[in-house]
Amino acid sequence: MLKTTKTATGVTLRVRVQPGASKNEIVGVQEDALKIRINAPPVKAKANRALIDFLAEKLEVRKSEIEIISGHTSKIKKIRVLGEGGKIEKNLQRFLSLSKFIPN
C-alpha cells in the first residue's frame, strides 16, 4: 500500500525509480513506494529531472511544486508535492488504478 503523508503545504511520498526504461510509466506500488519507470539515464540528474516532469504532468501540478527531499542519487526517493493534499492523493489513486500492480 502506498504511504503518503499530508502536510500543511501538500503531500510527501516515497518513489522507487527505475531509470533507463523504454518509456515513462507508473508501474504500481512496491512495498510502500510508488514504482515509476523513467526513460532517462541515471547520469547528471537526467532521471531526476525526467521524474519531476513526469510526476508534474500526471499529478497536474507545476514542476516547481515537486521537490526531491532525499535520495537524489538513490533509486528510492522521498518526494514532496506542494498543493492541496486531497487532490494530489486523488490523482495518485487514479493513476494507480490504471497501472499494473506490483505485489509487496
Protein backbone atom coordinates (compact mmCIF):
# COMPACT_ATOMS: atom_id res chain seq x y z
CA MET A 1 0.00 0.00 0.00
CA LEU A 2 1.32 3.41 -0.95
CA LYS A 3 2.10 5.51 2.09
CA THR A 4 1.52 9.23 1.69
CA THR A 5 1.77 11.89 4.36
CA LYS A 6 -0.33 15.03 4.16
CA THR A 7 1.42 18.18 5.33
CA ALA A 8 0.24 21.76 5.70
CA THR A 9 1.57 22.51 2.21
CA GLY A 10 0.93 19.27 0.31
CA VAL A 11 1.90 15.58 0.34
CA THR A 12 5.11 13.59 0.78
CA LEU A 13 5.60 10.11 -0.62
CA ARG A 14 8.29 7.57 -1.41
CA VAL A 15 9.10 6.73 -5.02
CA ARG A 16 11.13 3.81 -6.36
CA VAL A 17 12.60 4.85 -9.72
CA GLN A 18 13.81 2.55 -12.49
CA PRO A 19 15.87 4.77 -14.83
CA GLY A 20 16.75 3.79 -18.39
CA ALA A 21 13.36 2.19 -19.08
CA SER A 22 11.82 2.03 -22.54
CA LYS A 23 9.10 4.53 -21.58
CA ASN A 24 7.89 6.67 -18.69
CA GLU A 25 5.16 4.95 -16.72
CA ILE A 26 3.73 4.40 -13.27
CA VAL A 27 4.01 0.68 -12.66
CA GLY A 28 2.26 0.43 -9.31
CA VAL A 29 3.24 0.11 -5.67
CA GLN A 30 6.24 -1.82 -4.40
CA GLU A 31 6.39 -2.12 -0.62
CA ASP A 32 5.25 1.37 0.46
CA ALA A 33 6.67 3.27 -2.53
CA LEU A 34 5.24 4.31 -5.88
CA LYS A 35 7.23 2.48 -8.59
CA ILE A 36 7.93 4.54 -11.68
CA ARG A 37 9.90 3.68 -14.81
CA ILE A 38 11.71 6.62 -16.39
CA ASN A 39 13.32 6.52 -19.83
CA ALA A 40 16.12 8.95 -18.96
CA PRO A 41 19.53 7.58 -17.91
CA PRO A 42 20.73 7.98 -14.31
CA VAL A 43 23.53 10.42 -15.19
CA LYS A 44 23.89 14.12 -14.48
CA ALA A 45 20.47 14.19 -12.76
CA LYS A 46 18.66 13.48 -16.06
CA ALA A 47 16.48 10.79 -14.45
CA ASN A 48 15.60 13.12 -11.55
CA ARG A 49 14.55 15.90 -13.92
CA ALA A 50 12.54 13.44 -16.02
CA LEU A 51 10.87 12.10 -12.86
CA ILE A 52 9.83 15.61 -11.81
CA ASP A 53 8.50 16.35 -15.31
CA PHE A 54 6.55 13.09 -15.39
CA LEU A 55 5.05 13.50 -11.91
CA ALA A 56 4.09 17.11 -12.61
CA GLU A 57 2.18 16.03 -15.70
CA LYS A 58 0.45 13.08 -14.02
CA LEU A 59 -0.43 14.92 -10.78
CA GLU A 60 -1.48 18.07 -12.65
CA VAL A 61 0.87 20.39 -10.75
CA ARG A 62 3.71 22.66 -11.85
CA LYS A 63 7.25 21.26 -11.93
CA SER A 64 8.22 23.86 -9.34
CA GLU A 65 5.71 22.25 -6.94
CA ILE A 66 7.61 18.93 -6.88
CA GLU A 67 10.81 18.53 -4.89
CA ILE A 68 13.07 15.56 -4.24
CA ILE A 69 13.68 15.79 -0.50
CA SER A 70 16.07 12.85 -0.21
CA GLY A 71 17.56 10.11 -2.36
CA HIS A 72 18.98 12.28 -5.14
CA THR A 73 21.45 9.53 -6.13
CA SER A 74 19.34 6.57 -4.98
CA LYS A 75 16.56 4.63 -6.68
CA ILE A 76 14.37 5.26 -3.63
CA LYS A 77 13.45 8.90 -3.23
CA LYS A 78 11.30 10.94 -0.89
CA ILE A 79 9.20 13.43 -2.85
CA ARG A 80 7.29 16.50 -1.68
CA VAL A 81 4.39 17.68 -3.81
CA LEU A 82 3.04 21.12 -2.97
CA GLY A 83 -0.65 21.78 -3.35
CA GLU A 84 -3.98 20.62 -1.99
CA GLY A 85 -3.33 17.20 -0.42
CA GLY A 86 -6.70 15.68 -1.23
CA LYS A 87 -6.41 16.49 -4.94
CA ILE A 88 -2.88 15.10 -5.13
CA GLU A 89 -3.86 11.87 -3.37
CA LYS A 90 -6.91 11.53 -5.64
CA ASN A 91 -4.71 11.88 -8.74
CA LEU A 92 -2.27 9.29 -7.34
CA GLN A 93 -5.08 6.81 -6.73
CA ARG A 94 -6.49 7.40 -10.21
CA PHE A 95 -3.17 6.52 -11.85
CA LEU A 96 -2.61 3.54 -9.58
CA SER A 97 -5.98 2.12 -10.57
CA LEU A 98 -4.91 2.33 -14.24
CA SER A 99 -1.45 0.81 -13.74
CA LYS A 100 -0.18 -2.71 -13.24
CA PHE A 101 0.09 -3.70 -9.59
CA ILE A 102 3.37 -4.98 -8.21
CA PRO A 103 2.83 -7.03 -5.04
CA ASN A 104 4.95 -6.40 -1.94
